[in-house]
Amino acid sequence: MKAHPKIVLYRRAQAKGQPTLGSFLWEPYPGVMRHMMIRSIELPWKNNDKGTSCIPEGLYELRFTLSKRFGKKMWEVMNVPGRGGIRIHAGNYLKDTEGC
């Protein structure tokens, strides 16, 4: 069975309603000592509400899948409680995030 890349998502406490600044530890090849720490900007925490909230902290599996919305293959965060279609993509400002 093929091992899929994984990420561990961390967050810093933010003022209510402010963008969520965080980072994730990316393990591209599970079982191989090779990791990348990547910064993230996400929607504020609003109880994991679809389209308005960032996703919960945790350990997630990634899959490289076709996004119909973006028309190309992108990393999809799998098994997010109550959510689907969560993609990792480039962005610099909160307006670059729309929630999933």
PDB file of N, CA and C in Angstrom:
ATOM      1  N   MET A   1       0.844  -1.182   0.000  1.00  0.00           N
ATOM      2  CA  MET A   1       0.000   0.000   0.000  1.00  0.00           C
ATOM      3  C   MET A   1       0.894   1.252   0.000  1.00  0.00           C
ATOM      4  N   LYS A   2       0.592   2.172  -0.849  1.00  0.00           N
ATOM      5  CA  LYS A   2       1.367   3.403  -0.976  1.00  0.00           C
ATOM      6  C   LYS A   2       1.113   4.335   0.214  1.00  0.00           C
ATOM      7  N   ALA A   3       2.216   4.839   0.801  1.00  0.00           N
ATOM      8  CA  ALA A   3       2.087   5.821   1.886  1.00  0.00           C
ATOM      9  C   ALA A   3       1.921   7.204   1.264  1.00  0.00           C
ATOM     10  N   HIS A   4       0.936   7.953   1.729  1.00  0.00           N
ATOM     11  CA  HIS A   4       0.686   9.287   1.201  1.00  0.00           C
ATOM     12  C   HIS A   4       1.354  10.337   2.071  1.00  0.00           C
ATOM     13  N   PRO A   5       1.734  11.476   1.477  1.00  0.00           N
ATOM     14  CA  PRO A   5       2.306  12.561   2.277  1.00  0.00           C
ATOM     15  C   PRO A   5       1.338  12.966   3.381  1.00  0.00           C
ATOM     16  N   LYS A   6       1.910  13.518   4.448  1.00  0.00           N
ATOM     17  CA  LYS A   6       1.095  13.961   5.573  1.00  0.00           C
ATOM     18  C   LYS A   6       1.521  15.360   5.992  1.00  0.00           C
ATOM     19  N   ILE A   7       0.586  16.087   6.622  1.00  0.00           N
ATOM     20  CA  ILE A   7       0.927  17.371   7.219  1.00  0.00           C
ATOM     21  C   ILE A   7       0.412  17.393   8.650  1.00  0.00           C
ATOM     22  N   VAL A   8       1.139  18.111   9.501  1.00  0.00           N
ATOM     23  CA  VAL A   8       0.678  18.404  10.852  1.00  0.00           C
ATOM     24  C   VAL A   8       0.444  19.900  10.875  1.00  0.00           C
ATOM     25  N   LEU A   9      -0.782  20.317  11.151  1.00  0.00           N
ATOM     26  CA  LEU A   9      -1.191  21.716  11.087  1.00  0.00           C
ATOM     27  C   LEU A   9      -1.167  22.339  12.478  1.00  0.00           C
ATOM     28  N   TYR A  10      -0.408  23.441  12.637  1.00  0.00           N
ATOM     29  CA  TYR A  10      -0.287  24.170  13.899  1.00  0.00           C
ATOM     30  C   TYR A  10      -0.858  25.567  13.726  1.00  0.00           C
ATOM     31  N   ARG A  11      -1.313  26.173  14.818  1.00  0.00           N
ATOM     32  CA  ARG A  11      -1.875  27.533  14.760  1.00  0.00           C
ATOM     33  C   ARG A  11      -1.353  28.399  15.889  1.00  0.00           C
ATOM     34  N   ARG A  12      -1.364  29.714  15.664  1.00  0.00           N
ATOM     35  CA  ARG A  12      -1.097  30.697  16.710  1.00  0.00           C
ATOM     36  C   ARG A  12      -2.413  31.365  17.059  1.00  0.00           C
ATOM     37  N   ALA A  13      -2.603  31.645  18.342  1.00  0.00           N
ATOM     38  CA  ALA A  13      -3.834  32.317  18.771  1.00  0.00           C
ATOM     39  C   ALA A  13      -3.911  33.694  18.121  1.00  0.00           C
ATOM     40  N   GLN A  14      -5.086  34.050  17.612  1.00  0.00           N
ATOM     41  CA  GLN A  14      -5.306  35.333  16.954  1.00  0.00           C
ATOM     42  C   GLN A  14      -6.494  36.028  17.602  1.00  0.00           C
ATOM     43  N   ALA A  15      -6.541  37.340  17.441  1.00  0.00           N
ATOM     44  CA  ALA A  15      -7.697  38.096  17.926  1.00  0.00           C
ATOM     45  C   ALA A  15      -8.937  37.628  17.166  1.00  0.00           C
ATOM     46  N   LYS A  16     -10.072  37.650  17.831  1.00  0.00           N
ATOM     47  CA  LYS A  16     -11.318  37.183  17.224  1.00  0.00           C
ATOM     48  C   LYS A  16     -11.577  37.894  15.895  1.00  0.00           C
ATOM     49  N   GLY A  17     -11.885  37.117  14.859  1.00  0.00           N
ATOM     50  CA  GLY A  17     -12.204  37.667  13.550  1.00  0.00           C
ATOM     51  C   GLY A  17     -11.001  37.957  12.672  1.00  0.00           C
ATOM     52  N   GLN A  18      -9.791  37.778  13.207  1.00  0.00           N
ATOM     53  CA  GLN A  18      -8.580  38.039  12.429  1.00  0.00           C
ATOM     54  C   GLN A  18      -8.164  36.780  11.667  1.00  0.00           C
ATOM     55  N   PRO A  19      -7.401  36.955  10.574  1.00  0.00           N
ATOM     56  CA  PRO A  19      -6.927  35.781   9.836  1.00  0.00           C
ATOM     57  C   PRO A  19      -6.152  34.847  10.760  1.00  0.00           C
ATOM     58  N   THR A  20      -6.208  33.574  10.473  1.00  0.00           N
ATOM     59  CA  THR A  20      -5.476  32.576  11.242  1.00  0.00           C
ATOM     60  C   THR A  20      -4.107  32.399  10.614  1.00  0.00           C
ATOM     61  N   LEU A  21      -3.076  32.701  11.374  1.00  0.00           N
ATOM     62  CA  LEU A  21      -1.706  32.506  10.918  1.00  0.00           C
ATOM     63  C   LEU A  21      -1.212  31.200  11.512  1.00  0.00           C
ATOM     64  N   GLY A  22      -0.635  30.384  10.700  1.00  0.00           N
ATOM     65  CA  GLY A  22      -0.179  29.098  11.195  1.00  0.00           C
ATOM     66  C   GLY A  22       0.971  28.573  10.378  1.00  0.00           C
ATOM     67  N   SER A  23       1.273  27.340  10.597  1.00  0.00           N
ATOM     68  CA  SER A  23       2.311  26.671   9.832  1.00  0.00           C
ATOM     69  C   SER A  23       1.972  25.191   9.817  1.00  0.00           C
ATOM     70  N   PHE A  24       2.519  24.514   8.847  1.00  0.00           N
ATOM     71  CA  PHE A  24       2.344  23.075   8.846  1.00  0.00           C
ATOM     72  C   PHE A  24       3.652  22.398   8.517  1.00  0.00           C
ATOM     73  N   LEU A  25       3.837  21.269   9.155  1.00  0.00           N
ATOM     74  CA  LEU A  25       5.007  20.439   8.947  1.00  0.00           C
ATOM     75  C   LEU A  25       4.628  19.411   7.893  1.00  0.00           C
ATOM     76  N   TRP A  26       5.281  19.464   6.766  1.00  0.00           N
ATOM     77  CA  TRP A  26       4.964  18.611   5.625  1.00  0.00           C
ATOM     78  C   TRP A  26       5.958  17.456   5.601  1.00  0.00           C
ATOM     79  N   GLU A  27       5.443  16.248   5.609  1.00  0.00           N
ATOM     80  CA  GLU A  27       6.263  15.051   5.483  1.00  0.00           C
ATOM     81  C   GLU A  27       5.954  14.441   4.117  1.00  0.00           C
ATOM     82  N   PRO A  28       6.729  14.838   3.063  1.00  0.00           N
ATOM     83  CA  PRO A  28       6.390  14.405   1.711  1.00  0.00           C
ATOM     84  C   PRO A  28       6.547  12.902   1.478  1.00  0.00           C
ATOM     85  N   TYR A  29       7.463  12.273   2.186  1.00  0.00           N
ATOM     86  CA  TYR A  29       7.694  10.838   2.023  1.00  0.00           C
ATOM     87  C   TYR A  29       7.644  10.185   3.397  1.00  0.00           C
ATOM     88  N   PRO A  30       6.472   9.737   3.845  1.00  0.00           N
ATOM     89  CA  PRO A  30       6.356   9.146   5.180  1.00  0.00           C
ATOM     90  C   PRO A  30       7.400   8.067   5.425  1.00  0.00           C
ATOM     91  N   GLY A  31       8.004   8.137   6.600  1.00  0.00           N
ATOM     92  CA  GLY A  31       9.028   7.169   6.964  1.00  0.00           C
ATOM     93  C   GLY A  31      10.430   7.602   6.587  1.00  0.00           C
ATOM     94  N   VAL A  32      10.558   8.664   5.807  1.00  0.00           N
ATOM     95  CA  VAL A  32      11.863   9.191   5.418  1.00  0.00           C
ATOM     96  C   VAL A  32      12.068  10.494   6.179  1.00  0.00           C
ATOM     97  N   MET A  33      13.218  10.658   6.809  1.00  0.00           N
ATOM     98  CA  MET A  33      13.474  11.861   7.610  1.00  0.00           C
ATOM     99  C   MET A  33      13.691  13.068   6.701  1.00  0.00           C
ATOM    100  N   ARG A  34      12.608  13.642   6.243  1.00  0.00           N
ATOM    101  CA  ARG A  34      12.667  14.799   5.357  1.00  0.00           C
ATOM    102  C   ARG A  34      11.371  15.572   5.562  1.00  0.00           C
ATOM    103  N   HIS A  35      11.479  16.760   6.128  1.00  0.00           N
ATOM    104  CA  HIS A  35      10.296  17.554   6.448  1.00  0.00           C
ATOM    105  C   HIS A  35      10.484  18.990   5.977  1.00  0.00           C
ATOM    106  N   MET A  36       9.387  19.672   5.756  1.00  0.00           N
ATOM    107  CA  MET A  36       9.414  21.092   5.407  1.00  0.00           C
ATOM    108  C   MET A  36       8.421  21.811   6.315  1.00  0.00           C
ATOM    109  N   MET A  37       8.821  22.969   6.857  1.00  0.00           N
ATOM    110  CA  MET A  37       7.903  23.788   7.639  1.00  0.00           C
ATOM    111  C   MET A  37       7.409  24.899   6.722  1.00  0.00           C
ATOM    112  N   ILE A  38       6.103  24.997   6.548  1.00  0.00           N
ATOM    113  CA  ILE A  38       5.498  25.941   5.615  1.00  0.00           C
ATOM    114  C   ILE A  38       4.531  26.839   6.369  1.00  0.00           C
ATOM    115  N   ARG A  39       4.558  28.133   6.084  1.00  0.00           N
ATOM    116  CA  ARG A  39       3.659  29.100   6.727  1.00  0.00           C
ATOM    117  C   ARG A  39       2.311  29.101   6.019  1.00  0.00           C
ATOM    118  N   SER A  40       1.262  29.428   6.780  1.00  0.00           N
ATOM    119  CA  SER A  40      -0.073  29.458   6.183  1.00  0.00           C
ATOM    120  C   SER A  40      -0.859  30.669   6.666  1.00  0.00           C
ATOM    121  N   ILE A  41      -1.800  31.090   5.845  1.00  0.00           N
ATOM    122  CA  ILE A  41      -2.784  32.096   6.234  1.00  0.00           C
ATOM    123  C   ILE A  41      -4.144  31.512   5.866  1.00  0.00           C
ATOM    124  N   GLU A  42      -5.043  31.558   6.835  1.00  0.00           N
ATOM    125  CA  GLU A  42      -6.356  30.949   6.636  1.00  0.00           C
ATOM    126  C   GLU A  42      -7.431  31.854   7.206  1.00  0.00           C
ATOM    127  N   LEU A  43      -8.651  31.479   6.955  1.00  0.00           N
ATOM    128  CA  LEU A  43      -9.783  32.197   7.536  1.00  0.00           C
ATOM    129  C   LEU A  43      -9.730  32.094   9.058  1.00  0.00           C
ATOM    130  N   PRO A  44     -10.406  32.990   9.777  1.00  0.00           N
ATOM    131  CA  PRO A  44     -10.458  32.896  11.241  1.00  0.00           C
ATOM    132  C   PRO A  44     -11.159  31.603  11.671  1.00  0.00           C
ATOM    133  N   TRP A  45     -10.919  31.188  12.916  1.00  0.00           N
ATOM    134  CA  TRP A  45     -11.606  30.015  13.457  1.00  0.00           C
ATOM    135  C   TRP A  45     -13.041  30.385  13.797  1.00  0.00           C
ATOM    136  N   LYS A  46     -13.982  29.696  13.179  1.00  0.00           N
ATOM    137  CA  LYS A  46     -15.413  29.897  13.442  1.00  0.00           C
ATOM    138  C   LYS A  46     -16.088  28.533  13.539  1.00  0.00           C
ATOM    139  N   ASN A  47     -15.600  27.743  14.477  1.00  0.00           N
ATOM    140  CA  ASN A  47     -16.174  26.424  14.761  1.00  0.00           C
ATOM    141  C   ASN A  47     -16.234  25.492  13.556  1.00  0.00           C
ATOM    142  N   ASN A  48     -15.254  25.597  12.667  1.00  0.00           N
ATOM    143  CA  ASN A  48     -15.148  24.723  11.497  1.00  0.00           C
ATOM    144  C   ASN A  48     -16.322  24.877  10.532  1.00  0.00           C
ATOM    145  N   ASP A  49     -16.983  26.039  10.532  1.00  0.00           N
ATOM    146  CA  ASP A  49     -18.102  26.273   9.616  1.00  0.00           C
ATOM    147  C   ASP A  49     -17.595  26.351   8.180  1.00  0.00           C
ATOM    148  N   LYS A  50     -18.207  25.571   7.310  1.00  0.00           N
ATOM    149  CA  LYS A  50     -17.802  25.515   5.903  1.00  0.00           C
ATOM    150  C   LYS A  50     -17.900  26.892   5.254  1.00  0.00           C
ATOM    151  N   GLY A  51     -16.814  27.294   4.574  1.00  0.00           N
ATOM    152  CA  GLY A  51     -16.802  28.548   3.825  1.00  0.00           C
ATOM    153  C   GLY A  51     -16.447  29.777   4.633  1.00  0.00           C
ATOM    154  N   THR A  52     -16.439  29.673   5.981  1.00  0.00           N
ATOM    155  CA  THR A  52     -16.128  30.853   6.802  1.00  0.00           C
ATOM    156  C   THR A  52     -15.070  30.587   7.859  1.00  0.00           C
ATOM    157  N   SER A  53     -14.637  29.336   8.022  1.00  0.00           N
ATOM    158  CA  SER A  53     -13.708  28.979   9.090  1.00  0.00           C
ATOM    159  C   SER A  53     -12.512  28.205   8.554  1.00  0.00           C
ATOM    160  N   CYS A  54     -11.374  28.358   9.236  1.00  0.00           N
ATOM    161  CA  CYS A  54     -10.230  27.498   8.952  1.00  0.00           C
ATOM    162  C   CYS A  54     -10.552  26.086   9.443  1.00  0.00           C
ATOM    163  N   ILE A  55      -9.759  25.128   9.041  1.00  0.00           N
ATOM    164  CA  ILE A  55      -9.975  23.751   9.480  1.00  0.00           C
ATOM    165  C   ILE A  55      -9.299  23.539  10.836  1.00  0.00           C
ATOM    166  N   PRO A  56      -9.715  22.504  11.584  1.00  0.00           N
ATOM    167  CA  PRO A  56      -9.108  22.245  12.891  1.00  0.00           C
ATOM    168  C   PRO A  56      -7.630  21.859  12.777  1.00  0.00           C
ATOM    169  N   GLU A  57      -6.873  22.160  13.838  1.00  0.00           N
ATOM    170  CA  GLU A  57      -5.498  21.674  13.912  1.00  0.00           C
ATOM    171  C   GLU A  57      -5.527  20.155  13.888  1.00  0.00           C
ATOM    172  N   GLY A  58      -4.444  19.551  13.434  1.00  0.00           N
ATOM    173  CA  GLY A  58      -4.382  18.098  13.472  1.00  0.00           C
ATOM    174  C   GLY A  58      -3.432  17.516  12.452  1.00  0.00           C
ATOM    175  N   LEU A  59      -3.424  16.211  12.380  1.00  0.00           N
ATOM    176  CA  LEU A  59      -2.612  15.455  11.432  1.00  0.00           C
ATOM    177  C   LEU A  59      -3.515  15.044  10.274  1.00  0.00           C
ATOM    178  N   TYR A  60      -3.121  15.397   9.060  1.00  0.00           N
ATOM    179  CA  TYR A  60      -3.938  15.105   7.880  1.00  0.00           C
ATOM    180  C   TYR A  60      -3.100  14.438   6.796  1.00  0.00           C
ATOM    181  N   GLU A  61      -3.741  13.549   6.049  1.00  0.00           N
ATOM    182  CA  GLU A  61      -3.128  12.934   4.879  1.00  0.00           C
ATOM    183  C   GLU A  61      -3.382  13.837   3.681  1.00  0.00           C
ATOM    184  N   LEU A  62      -2.440  13.858   2.751  1.00  0.00           N
ATOM    185  CA  LEU A  62      -2.584  14.640   1.518  1.00  0.00           C
ATOM    186  C   LEU A  62      -2.671  13.709   0.323  1.00  0.00           C
ATOM    187  N   ARG A  63      -3.425  14.122  -0.676  1.00  0.00           N
ATOM    188  CA  ARG A  63      -3.485  13.405  -1.960  1.00  0.00           C
ATOM    189  C   ARG A  63      -3.389  14.442  -3.068  1.00  0.00           C
ATOM    190  N   PHE A  64      -2.662  14.096  -4.128  1.00  0.00           N
ATOM    191  CA  PHE A  64      -2.511  14.972  -5.285  1.00  0.00           C
ATOM    192  C   PHE A  64      -3.645  14.636  -6.239  1.00  0.00           C
ATOM    193  N   THR A  65      -4.710  15.452  -6.226  1.00  0.00           N
ATOM    194  CA  THR A  65      -5.923  15.144  -6.988  1.00  0.00           C
ATOM    195  C   THR A  65      -6.308  16.307  -7.903  1.00  0.00           C
ATOM    196  N   LEU A  66      -7.124  15.992  -8.891  1.00  0.00           N
ATOM    197  CA  LEU A  66      -7.598  17.009  -9.826  1.00  0.00           C
ATOM    198  C   LEU A  66      -8.664  17.878  -9.168  1.00  0.00           C
ATOM    199  N   SER A  67      -8.463  19.187  -9.218  1.00  0.00           N
ATOM    200  CA  SER A  67      -9.450  20.141  -8.720  1.00  0.00           C
ATOM    201  C   SER A  67     -10.271  20.630  -9.906  1.00  0.00           C
ATOM    202  N   LYS A  68     -11.563  20.355  -9.891  1.00  0.00           N
ATOM    203  CA  LYS A  68     -12.426  20.841 -10.970  1.00  0.00           C
ATOM    204  C   LYS A  68     -12.465  22.360 -10.973  1.00  0.00           C
ATOM    205  N   ARG A  69     -12.457  22.964  -9.793  1.00  0.00           N
ATOM    206  CA  ARG A  69     -12.524  24.420  -9.676  1.00  0.00           C
ATOM    207  C   ARG A  69     -11.305  25.109 -10.287  1.00  0.00           C
ATOM    208  N   PHE A  70     -10.109  24.580  -9.988  1.00  0.00           N
ATOM    209  CA  PHE A  70      -8.881  25.200 -10.481  1.00  0.00           C
ATOM    210  C   PHE A  70      -8.412  24.611 -11.808  1.00  0.00           C
ATOM    211  N   GLY A  71      -8.985  23.465 -12.212  1.00  0.00           N
ATOM    212  CA  GLY A  71      -8.635  22.856 -13.489  1.00  0.00           C
ATOM    213  C   GLY A  71      -7.241  22.269 -13.550  1.00  0.00           C
ATOM    214  N   LYS A  72      -6.699  21.871 -12.402  1.00  0.00           N
ATOM    215  CA  LYS A  72      -5.370  21.256 -12.371  1.00  0.00           C
ATOM    216  C   LYS A  72      -5.246  20.408 -11.110  1.00  0.00           C
ATOM    217  N   LYS A  73      -4.201  19.582 -11.085  1.00  0.00           N
ATOM    218  CA  LYS A  73      -3.955  18.770  -9.900  1.00  0.00           C
ATOM    219  C   LYS A  73      -3.352  19.639  -8.799  1.00  0.00           C
ATOM    220  N   MET A  74      -3.849  19.423  -7.583  1.00  0.00           N
ATOM    221  CA  MET A  74      -3.380  20.175  -6.414  1.00  0.00           C
ATOM    222  C   MET A  74      -3.404  19.237  -5.211  1.00  0.00           C
ATOM    223  N   TRP A  75      -2.703  19.640  -4.151  1.00  0.00           N
ATOM    224  CA  TRP A  75      -2.734  18.859  -2.920  1.00  0.00           C
ATOM    225  C   TRP A  75      -4.070  19.073  -2.224  1.00  0.00           C
ATOM    226  N   GLU A  76      -4.737  17.958  -1.914  1.00  0.00           N
ATOM    227  CA  GLU A  76      -6.011  17.986  -1.205  1.00  0.00           C
ATOM    228  C   GLU A  76      -5.802  17.441   0.206  1.00  0.00           C
ATOM    229  N   VAL A  77      -6.307  18.157   1.201  1.00  0.00           N
ATOM    230  CA  VAL A  77      -6.220  17.733   2.595  1.00  0.00           C
ATOM    231  C   VAL A  77      -7.385  16.773   2.846  1.00  0.00           C
ATOM    232  N   MET A  78      -7.070  15.550   3.217  1.00  0.00           N
ATOM    233  CA  MET A  78      -8.078  14.498   3.342  1.00  0.00           C
ATOM    234  C   MET A  78      -8.602  14.367   4.774  1.00  0.00           C
ATOM    235  N   ASN A  79      -9.830  13.860   4.875  1.00  0.00           N
ATOM    236  CA  ASN A  79     -10.447  13.500   6.156  1.00  0.00           C
ATOM    237  C   ASN A  79     -10.550  14.652   7.144  1.00  0.00           C
ATOM    238  N   VAL A  80     -10.891  15.835   6.639  1.00  0.00           N
ATOM    239  CA  VAL A  80     -11.155  16.976   7.513  1.00  0.00           C
ATOM    240  C   VAL A  80     -12.584  16.811   8.027  1.00  0.00           C
ATOM    241  N   PRO A  81     -12.781  16.771   9.350  1.00  0.00           N
ATOM    242  CA  PRO A  81     -14.128  16.548   9.889  1.00  0.00           C
ATOM    243  C   PRO A  81     -15.158  17.540   9.339  1.00  0.00           C
ATOM    244  N   GLY A  82     -16.220  17.017   8.717  1.00  0.00           N
ATOM    245  CA  GLY A  82     -17.306  17.848   8.217  1.00  0.00           C
ATOM    246  C   GLY A  82     -16.981  18.693   7.002  1.00  0.00           C
ATOM    247  N   ARG A  83     -15.845  18.451   6.360  1.00  0.00           N
ATOM    248  CA  ARG A  83     -15.421  19.281   5.229  1.00  0.00           C
ATOM    249  C   ARG A  83     -14.907  18.416   4.088  1.00  0.00           C
ATOM    250  N   GLY A  84     -14.780  19.001   2.905  1.00  0.00           N
ATOM    251  CA  GLY A  84     -14.231  18.309   1.755  1.00  0.00           C
ATOM    252  C   GLY A  84     -13.699  19.308   0.753  1.00  0.00           C
ATOM    253  N   GLY A  85     -12.853  18.848  -0.150  1.00  0.00           N
ATOM    254  CA  GLY A  85     -12.306  19.717  -1.185  1.00  0.00           C
ATOM    255  C   GLY A  85     -11.346  20.766  -0.659  1.00  0.00           C
ATOM    256  N   ILE A  86     -10.700  20.508   0.472  1.00  0.00           N
ATOM    257  CA  ILE A  86      -9.743  21.460   1.044  1.00  0.00           C
ATOM    258  C   ILE A  86      -8.443  21.345   0.259  1.00  0.00           C
ATOM    259  N   ARG A  87      -7.997  22.436  -0.340  1.00  0.00           N
ATOM    260  CA  ARG A  87      -6.795  22.439  -1.186  1.00  0.00           C
ATOM    261  C   ARG A  87      -5.710  23.336  -0.606  1.00  0.00           C
ATOM    262  N   ILE A  88      -4.468  22.939  -0.836  1.00  0.00           N
ATOM    263  CA  ILE A  88      -3.322  23.783  -0.491  1.00  0.00           C
ATOM    264  C   ILE A  88      -2.938  24.515  -1.763  1.00  0.00           C
ATOM    265  N   HIS A  89      -2.908  25.848  -1.694  1.00  0.00           N
ATOM    266  CA  HIS A  89      -2.561  26.644  -2.870  1.00  0.00           C
ATOM    267  C   HIS A  89      -1.867  27.927  -2.442  1.00  0.00           C
ATOM    268  N   ALA A  90      -1.258  28.589  -3.385  1.00  0.00           N
ATOM    269  CA  ALA A  90      -0.535  29.831  -3.113  1.00  0.00           C
ATOM    270  C   ALA A  90      -1.502  30.955  -2.776  1.00  0.00           C
ATOM    271  N   GLY A  91      -1.038  31.870  -1.947  1.00  0.00           N
ATOM    272  CA  GLY A  91      -1.820  33.049  -1.583  1.00  0.00           C
ATOM    273  C   GLY A  91      -1.014  33.925  -0.651  1.00  0.00           C
ATOM    274  N   ASN A  92      -1.250  35.207  -0.693  1.00  0.00           N
ATOM    275  CA  ASN A  92      -0.520  36.144   0.154  1.00  0.00           C
ATOM    276  C   ASN A  92      -1.408  36.908   1.118  1.00  0.00           C
ATOM    277  N   TYR A  93      -2.688  36.987   0.821  1.00  0.00           N
ATOM    278  CA  TYR A  93      -3.610  37.794   1.617  1.00  0.00           C
ATOM    279  C   TYR A  93      -4.847  36.979   1.961  1.00  0.00           C
ATOM    280  N   LEU A  94      -5.578  37.418   2.985  1.00  0.00           N
ATOM    281  CA  LEU A  94      -6.785  36.714   3.385  1.00  0.00           C
ATOM    282  C   LEU A  94      -7.773  36.602   2.226  1.00  0.00           C
ATOM    283  N   LYS A  95      -7.794  37.601   1.343  1.00  0.00           N
ATOM    284  CA  LYS A  95      -8.711  37.555   0.195  1.00  0.00           C
ATOM    285  C   LYS A  95      -8.391  36.387  -0.747  1.00  0.00           C
ATOM    286  N   ASP A  96      -7.180  35.809  -0.612  1.00  0.00           N
ATOM    287  CA  ASP A  96      -6.802  34.663  -1.436  1.00  0.00           C
ATOM    288  C   ASP A  96      -7.383  33.357  -0.905  1.00  0.00           C
ATOM    289  N   THR A  97      -8.057  33.428   0.250  1.00  0.00           N
ATOM    290  CA  THR A  97      -8.700  32.239   0.820  1.00  0.00           C
ATOM    291  C   THR A  97     -10.201  32.438   0.757  1.00  0.00           C
ATOM    292  N   GLU A  98     -10.904  31.419   0.353  1.00  0.00           N
ATOM    293  CA  GLU A  98     -12.358  31.519   0.283  1.00  0.00           C
ATOM    294  C   GLU A  98     -13.033  30.478   1.149  1.00  0.00           C
ATOM    295  N   GLY A  99     -12.279  29.592   1.733  1.00  0.00           N
ATOM    296  CA  GLY A  99     -12.875  28.533   2.546  1.00  0.00           C
ATOM    297  C   GLY A  99     -13.414  27.412   1.681  1.00  0.00           C
ATOM    298  N   CYS A 100     -13.558  26.273   2.270  1.00  0.00           N
ATOM    299  CA  CYS A 100     -14.008  25.089   1.539  1.00  0.00           C
ATOM    300  C   CYS A 100     -15.141  24.410   2.270  1.00  0.00           C
TER     301      CYS A 100
END
